[in-house]
Amino acid sequence: QVQLVESGGGLVQPGGSLRLSCEAAGSIRTIDAMGWYRQAPGKERELVARIRMGVITDYADSVKGRFTISRDNAKNMVYLQMNSLTPEDTAVYYCNLDATLPWGTVMRGIWGPGTQVTVSS
């Protein structure tokens, strides 16, 4: 069984920074994609940033130049460095994983429980 453990959310003032971390715990053979989505009140869940096939990064247009996603392959972890935060970044941030397990099972769309990010003065 694979679980995602998120950390790093909180309250920050506009212009501030936060770093989110997500660890994929469990038996994993390969990580196909890992990243972050967010959902603000009354809005649909949207992609923030993800890493595919270990090197390809995708970012939402609204976070390009402000957020950076990175991965630690040895630890099965992904990080999201968020700079120049604005109130529009306020949301619950969810870690997401697509992975292949040691016995060949492919798992898509594993979600973490979410971590709240609030940007407010």
N, C-alpha and C. Protein backbone atom coordinates (compact mmCIF):
# COMPACT_ATOMS: atom_id res chain seq x y z
N GLN A 1 0.84 -1.19 0.00
CA GLN A 1 0.00 0.00 0.00
C GLN A 1 0.88 1.24 0.00
N VAL A 2 0.51 2.22 -0.79
CA VAL A 2 1.28 3.45 -0.88
C VAL A 2 0.46 4.59 -0.28
N GLN A 3 1.10 5.37 0.56
CA GLN A 3 0.45 6.54 1.15
C GLN A 3 1.32 7.76 0.93
N LEU A 4 0.67 8.91 0.84
CA LEU A 4 1.37 10.18 0.68
C LEU A 4 1.27 10.96 1.98
N VAL A 5 2.41 11.46 2.43
CA VAL A 5 2.47 12.23 3.66
C VAL A 5 2.94 13.64 3.31
N GLU A 6 2.07 14.61 3.54
CA GLU A 6 2.35 16.00 3.18
C GLU A 6 2.71 16.81 4.41
N SER A 7 3.50 17.85 4.20
CA SER A 7 3.82 18.77 5.29
C SER A 7 4.23 20.11 4.70
N GLY A 8 4.20 21.15 5.56
CA GLY A 8 4.72 22.45 5.15
C GLY A 8 3.69 23.53 4.94
N GLY A 9 2.42 23.21 5.03
CA GLY A 9 1.42 24.26 4.85
C GLY A 9 1.38 25.20 6.04
N GLY A 10 0.57 26.25 5.91
CA GLY A 10 0.45 27.18 7.01
C GLY A 10 -0.05 28.53 6.56
N LEU A 11 0.11 29.50 7.44
CA LEU A 11 -0.32 30.88 7.20
C LEU A 11 0.91 31.72 6.88
N VAL A 12 0.82 32.48 5.81
CA VAL A 12 1.93 33.34 5.41
C VAL A 12 1.38 34.66 4.89
N GLN A 13 2.14 35.71 5.04
CA GLN A 13 1.72 37.02 4.54
C GLN A 13 1.95 37.12 3.04
N PRO A 14 1.20 37.96 2.37
CA PRO A 14 1.45 38.17 0.93
C PRO A 14 2.90 38.55 0.68
N GLY A 15 3.46 37.96 -0.37
CA GLY A 15 4.87 38.17 -0.68
C GLY A 15 5.80 37.18 -0.02
N GLY A 16 5.26 36.40 0.89
CA GLY A 16 6.08 35.44 1.61
C GLY A 16 6.30 34.15 0.86
N SER A 17 6.94 33.21 1.53
CA SER A 17 7.30 31.93 0.93
C SER A 17 6.91 30.77 1.85
N LEU A 18 6.64 29.65 1.23
CA LEU A 18 6.42 28.39 1.94
C LEU A 18 7.02 27.27 1.10
N ARG A 19 7.38 26.20 1.79
CA ARG A 19 7.89 25.01 1.10
C ARG A 19 7.05 23.82 1.54
N LEU A 20 6.41 23.19 0.57
CA LEU A 20 5.64 21.98 0.84
C LEU A 20 6.48 20.75 0.53
N SER A 21 6.28 19.72 1.33
CA SER A 21 6.97 18.44 1.12
C SER A 21 5.94 17.33 1.05
N CYS A 22 6.25 16.33 0.26
CA CYS A 22 5.39 15.15 0.16
C CYS A 22 6.26 13.92 0.02
N GLU A 23 6.01 12.95 0.88
CA GLU A 23 6.74 11.69 0.83
C GLU A 23 5.80 10.57 0.41
N ALA A 24 6.24 9.77 -0.53
CA ALA A 24 5.50 8.57 -0.91
C ALA A 24 6.03 7.42 -0.08
N ALA A 25 5.19 6.95 0.84
CA ALA A 25 5.61 5.88 1.75
C ALA A 25 5.01 4.56 1.27
N GLY A 26 5.86 3.53 1.21
CA GLY A 26 5.39 2.23 0.76
C GLY A 26 6.34 1.66 -0.28
N SER A 27 5.98 0.53 -0.80
CA SER A 27 6.82 -0.16 -1.78
C SER A 27 6.50 0.35 -3.18
N ILE A 28 7.49 1.00 -3.78
CA ILE A 28 7.31 1.59 -5.11
C ILE A 28 8.48 1.16 -5.97
N ARG A 29 8.18 0.73 -7.20
CA ARG A 29 9.26 0.41 -8.14
C ARG A 29 9.68 1.65 -8.90
N THR A 30 8.73 2.34 -9.49
CA THR A 30 9.05 3.58 -10.20
C THR A 30 7.95 4.62 -9.96
N ILE A 31 8.38 5.86 -9.88
CA ILE A 31 7.42 6.97 -9.82
C ILE A 31 7.29 7.53 -11.23
N ASP A 32 6.09 7.46 -11.77
CA ASP A 32 5.84 7.93 -13.13
C ASP A 32 5.55 9.43 -13.17
N ALA A 33 4.85 9.90 -12.17
CA ALA A 33 4.56 11.33 -12.05
C ALA A 33 4.24 11.63 -10.59
N MET A 34 4.67 12.78 -10.16
CA MET A 34 4.41 13.19 -8.77
C MET A 34 4.34 14.69 -8.74
N GLY A 35 3.36 15.21 -8.01
CA GLY A 35 3.23 16.65 -8.02
C GLY A 35 2.16 17.16 -7.09
N TRP A 36 1.74 18.39 -7.33
CA TRP A 36 0.83 19.11 -6.45
C TRP A 36 -0.35 19.67 -7.22
N TYR A 37 -1.52 19.53 -6.62
CA TYR A 37 -2.74 20.16 -7.08
C TYR A 37 -3.25 21.02 -5.92
N ARG A 38 -4.17 21.90 -6.23
CA ARG A 38 -4.78 22.70 -5.17
C ARG A 38 -6.25 22.92 -5.46
N GLN A 39 -6.98 23.15 -4.37
CA GLN A 39 -8.41 23.42 -4.50
C GLN A 39 -8.77 24.54 -3.54
N ALA A 40 -9.23 25.64 -4.10
CA ALA A 40 -9.69 26.78 -3.32
C ALA A 40 -11.19 26.62 -3.08
N PRO A 41 -11.73 27.28 -2.05
CA PRO A 41 -13.17 27.17 -1.77
C PRO A 41 -14.00 27.56 -2.98
N GLY A 42 -14.93 26.72 -3.33
CA GLY A 42 -15.83 27.01 -4.44
C GLY A 42 -15.24 26.80 -5.82
N LYS A 43 -14.02 26.28 -5.87
CA LYS A 43 -13.36 26.08 -7.16
C LYS A 43 -12.99 24.61 -7.34
N GLU A 44 -12.73 24.24 -8.59
CA GLU A 44 -12.31 22.89 -8.87
C GLU A 44 -10.83 22.69 -8.53
N ARG A 45 -10.48 21.45 -8.31
CA ARG A 45 -9.08 21.13 -8.06
C ARG A 45 -8.29 21.34 -9.36
N GLU A 46 -7.12 21.97 -9.23
CA GLU A 46 -6.32 22.28 -10.41
C GLU A 46 -4.87 21.88 -10.21
N LEU A 47 -4.22 21.59 -11.31
CA LEU A 47 -2.79 21.28 -11.27
C LEU A 47 -2.01 22.53 -10.91
N VAL A 48 -1.06 22.37 -9.99
CA VAL A 48 -0.12 23.45 -9.66
C VAL A 48 1.22 23.18 -10.34
N ALA A 49 1.79 22.01 -10.05
CA ALA A 49 3.07 21.64 -10.65
C ALA A 49 3.27 20.14 -10.48
N ARG A 50 3.95 19.53 -11.44
CA ARG A 50 4.25 18.11 -11.32
C ARG A 50 5.51 17.79 -12.10
N ILE A 51 6.11 16.67 -11.74
CA ILE A 51 7.28 16.15 -12.46
C ILE A 51 6.87 14.82 -13.06
N ARG A 52 7.06 14.68 -14.37
CA ARG A 52 6.73 13.44 -15.08
C ARG A 52 8.01 12.79 -15.58
N MET A 53 8.04 11.50 -15.51
CA MET A 53 9.18 10.70 -15.99
C MET A 53 10.49 11.22 -15.43
N GLY A 54 10.44 11.75 -14.24
CA GLY A 54 11.63 12.15 -13.53
C GLY A 54 12.22 13.49 -13.89
N VAL A 55 11.89 14.00 -15.09
CA VAL A 55 12.57 15.23 -15.53
C VAL A 55 11.65 16.26 -16.15
N ILE A 56 10.47 15.87 -16.62
CA ILE A 56 9.58 16.81 -17.30
C ILE A 56 8.71 17.50 -16.25
N THR A 57 8.76 18.83 -16.24
CA THR A 57 7.98 19.58 -15.27
C THR A 57 6.85 20.33 -15.96
N ASP A 58 5.71 20.35 -15.32
CA ASP A 58 4.54 21.09 -15.78
C ASP A 58 4.14 22.06 -14.68
N TYR A 59 3.82 23.27 -15.06
CA TYR A 59 3.38 24.27 -14.11
C TYR A 59 2.09 24.94 -14.61
N ALA A 60 1.23 25.29 -13.68
CA ALA A 60 0.10 26.14 -14.01
C ALA A 60 0.65 27.52 -14.40
N ASP A 61 0.00 28.16 -15.35
CA ASP A 61 0.47 29.48 -15.78
C ASP A 61 0.52 30.47 -14.61
N SER A 62 -0.41 30.32 -13.68
CA SER A 62 -0.52 31.28 -12.59
C SER A 62 0.64 31.19 -11.59
N VAL A 63 1.42 30.10 -11.65
CA VAL A 63 2.51 29.96 -10.68
C VAL A 63 3.88 29.98 -11.33
N LYS A 64 3.93 30.01 -12.65
CA LYS A 64 5.23 30.02 -13.34
C LYS A 64 6.05 31.22 -12.90
N GLY A 65 7.33 30.95 -12.61
CA GLY A 65 8.23 32.01 -12.17
C GLY A 65 8.19 32.25 -10.67
N ARG A 66 7.19 31.68 -9.99
CA ARG A 66 7.08 31.87 -8.54
C ARG A 66 7.26 30.56 -7.78
N PHE A 67 6.77 29.46 -8.35
CA PHE A 67 6.84 28.16 -7.70
C PHE A 67 7.86 27.28 -8.42
N THR A 68 8.53 26.44 -7.65
CA THR A 68 9.48 25.50 -8.22
C THR A 68 9.26 24.13 -7.61
N ILE A 69 9.10 23.13 -8.46
CA ILE A 69 8.94 21.76 -7.99
C ILE A 69 10.26 21.03 -8.15
N SER A 70 10.57 20.19 -7.18
CA SER A 70 11.78 19.39 -7.25
C SER A 70 11.53 18.03 -6.60
N ARG A 71 12.42 17.09 -6.89
CA ARG A 71 12.21 15.73 -6.40
C ARG A 71 13.49 15.16 -5.84
N ASP A 72 13.35 14.36 -4.79
CA ASP A 72 14.45 13.58 -4.24
C ASP A 72 14.14 12.12 -4.53
N ASN A 73 14.76 11.59 -5.56
CA ASN A 73 14.43 10.24 -6.00
C ASN A 73 14.75 9.19 -4.94
N ALA A 74 15.84 9.41 -4.22
CA ALA A 74 16.26 8.42 -3.23
C ALA A 74 15.25 8.30 -2.09
N LYS A 75 14.54 9.39 -1.81
CA LYS A 75 13.60 9.41 -0.68
C LYS A 75 12.15 9.34 -1.14
N ASN A 76 11.92 9.25 -2.44
CA ASN A 76 10.55 9.28 -2.96
C ASN A 76 9.79 10.50 -2.46
N MET A 77 10.44 11.63 -2.53
CA MET A 77 9.83 12.86 -2.05
C MET A 77 9.77 13.90 -3.16
N VAL A 78 8.80 14.77 -3.05
CA VAL A 78 8.67 15.89 -3.95
C VAL A 78 8.45 17.14 -3.10
N TYR A 79 9.01 18.24 -3.57
CA TYR A 79 8.94 19.50 -2.84
C TYR A 79 8.34 20.57 -3.75
N LEU A 80 7.66 21.52 -3.13
CA LEU A 80 7.14 22.67 -3.87
C LEU A 80 7.57 23.92 -3.13
N GLN A 81 8.51 24.64 -3.71
CA GLN A 81 8.94 25.92 -3.16
C GLN A 81 8.04 26.99 -3.74
N MET A 82 7.34 27.70 -2.86
CA MET A 82 6.39 28.71 -3.28
C MET A 82 6.87 30.07 -2.80
N ASN A 83 7.15 30.95 -3.75
CA ASN A 83 7.62 32.30 -3.44
C ASN A 83 6.61 33.33 -3.94
N SER A 84 6.74 34.53 -3.44
CA SER A 84 5.88 35.64 -3.86
C SER A 84 4.41 35.25 -3.79
N LEU A 85 4.03 34.67 -2.68
CA LEU A 85 2.66 34.19 -2.53
C LEU A 85 1.66 35.34 -2.49
N THR A 86 0.51 35.09 -3.04
CA THR A 86 -0.58 36.06 -3.04
C THR A 86 -1.82 35.41 -2.42
N PRO A 87 -2.80 36.22 -2.03
CA PRO A 87 -4.03 35.64 -1.48
C PRO A 87 -4.70 34.65 -2.44
N GLU A 88 -4.49 34.82 -3.73
CA GLU A 88 -5.07 33.91 -4.72
C GLU A 88 -4.45 32.51 -4.66
N ASP A 89 -3.36 32.37 -3.96
CA ASP A 89 -2.74 31.05 -3.79
C ASP A 89 -3.33 30.28 -2.61
N THR A 90 -4.22 30.93 -1.88
CA THR A 90 -4.86 30.27 -0.74
C THR A 90 -5.69 29.10 -1.21
N ALA A 91 -5.42 27.92 -0.66
CA ALA A 91 -6.11 26.70 -1.07
C ALA A 91 -5.62 25.55 -0.22
N VAL A 92 -6.31 24.43 -0.36
CA VAL A 92 -5.77 23.17 0.15
C VAL A 92 -4.92 22.57 -0.95
N TYR A 93 -3.70 22.24 -0.62
CA TYR A 93 -2.75 21.69 -1.59
C TYR A 93 -2.65 20.18 -1.37
N TYR A 94 -2.83 19.45 -2.48
CA TYR A 94 -2.83 17.99 -2.43
C TYR A 94 -1.65 17.44 -3.22
N CYS A 95 -0.97 16.49 -2.63
CA CYS A 95 0.07 15.76 -3.34
C CYS A 95 -0.59 14.64 -4.15
N ASN A 96 -0.03 14.38 -5.33
CA ASN A 96 -0.60 13.38 -6.22
C ASN A 96 0.51 12.51 -6.79
N LEU A 97 0.22 11.22 -6.96
CA LEU A 97 1.25 10.28 -7.38
C LEU A 97 0.69 9.28 -8.38
N ASP A 98 1.45 9.04 -9.43
CA ASP A 98 1.26 7.91 -10.34
C ASP A 98 2.51 7.04 -10.21
N ALA A 99 2.34 5.77 -9.91
CA ALA A 99 3.50 4.93 -9.65
C ALA A 99 3.28 3.50 -10.11
N THR A 100 4.39 2.80 -10.31
CA THR A 100 4.36 1.37 -10.59
C THR A 100 4.93 0.66 -9.37
N LEU A 101 4.19 -0.31 -8.86
CA LEU A 101 4.60 -1.02 -7.66
C LEU A 101 5.55 -2.16 -8.01
N PRO A 102 6.25 -2.71 -7.04
CA PRO A 102 7.27 -3.72 -7.33
C PRO A 102 6.76 -4.92 -8.11
N TRP A 103 5.54 -5.32 -7.91
CA TRP A 103 4.99 -6.48 -8.61
C TRP A 103 4.33 -6.12 -9.93
N GLY A 104 4.50 -4.88 -10.38
CA GLY A 104 4.02 -4.47 -11.69
C GLY A 104 2.71 -3.75 -11.72
N THR A 105 2.02 -3.69 -10.60
CA THR A 105 0.74 -2.97 -10.57
C THR A 105 0.97 -1.48 -10.79
N VAL A 106 0.17 -0.91 -11.68
CA VAL A 106 0.25 0.53 -11.95
C VAL A 106 -0.86 1.23 -11.18
N MET A 107 -0.49 2.21 -10.40
CA MET A 107 -1.46 2.96 -9.63
C MET A 107 -1.46 4.40 -10.12
N ARG A 108 -2.65 4.89 -10.40
CA ARG A 108 -2.81 6.25 -10.90
C ARG A 108 -3.64 7.06 -9.92
N GLY A 109 -3.25 8.32 -9.75
CA GLY A 109 -4.09 9.22 -8.99
C GLY A 109 -4.18 8.94 -7.50
N ILE A 110 -3.05 8.62 -6.90
CA ILE A 110 -3.02 8.49 -5.44
C ILE A 110 -2.95 9.89 -4.85
N TRP A 111 -3.81 10.15 -3.89
CA TRP A 111 -3.89 11.51 -3.31
C TRP A 111 -3.48 11.51 -1.86
N GLY A 112 -2.82 12.58 -1.45
CA GLY A 112 -2.57 12.81 -0.04
C GLY A 112 -3.78 13.47 0.59
N PRO A 113 -3.78 13.62 1.92
CA PRO A 113 -4.93 14.20 2.61
C PRO A 113 -5.08 15.69 2.41
N GLY A 114 -4.02 16.35 1.95
CA GLY A 114 -4.07 17.80 1.74
C GLY A 114 -3.47 18.59 2.89
N THR A 115 -2.93 19.74 2.53
CA THR A 115 -2.39 20.65 3.54
C THR A 115 -2.84 22.07 3.19
N GLN A 116 -3.30 22.79 4.19
CA GLN A 116 -3.87 24.12 3.97
C GLN A 116 -2.75 25.15 3.83
N VAL A 117 -2.87 25.96 2.80
CA VAL A 117 -2.00 27.14 2.62
C VAL A 117 -2.91 28.36 2.61
N THR A 118 -2.63 29.28 3.52
CA THR A 118 -3.42 30.51 3.62
C THR A 118 -2.48 31.69 3.51
N VAL A 119 -2.76 32.55 2.54
CA VAL A 119 -1.97 33.75 2.32
C VAL A 119 -2.83 34.94 2.70
N SER A 120 -2.45 35.59 3.79
CA SER A 120 -3.28 36.68 4.30
C SER A 120 -2.43 37.59 5.18
N SER A 121 -2.80 38.86 5.17
CA SER A 121 -2.13 39.80 6.06
C SER A 121 -2.90 39.96 7.35
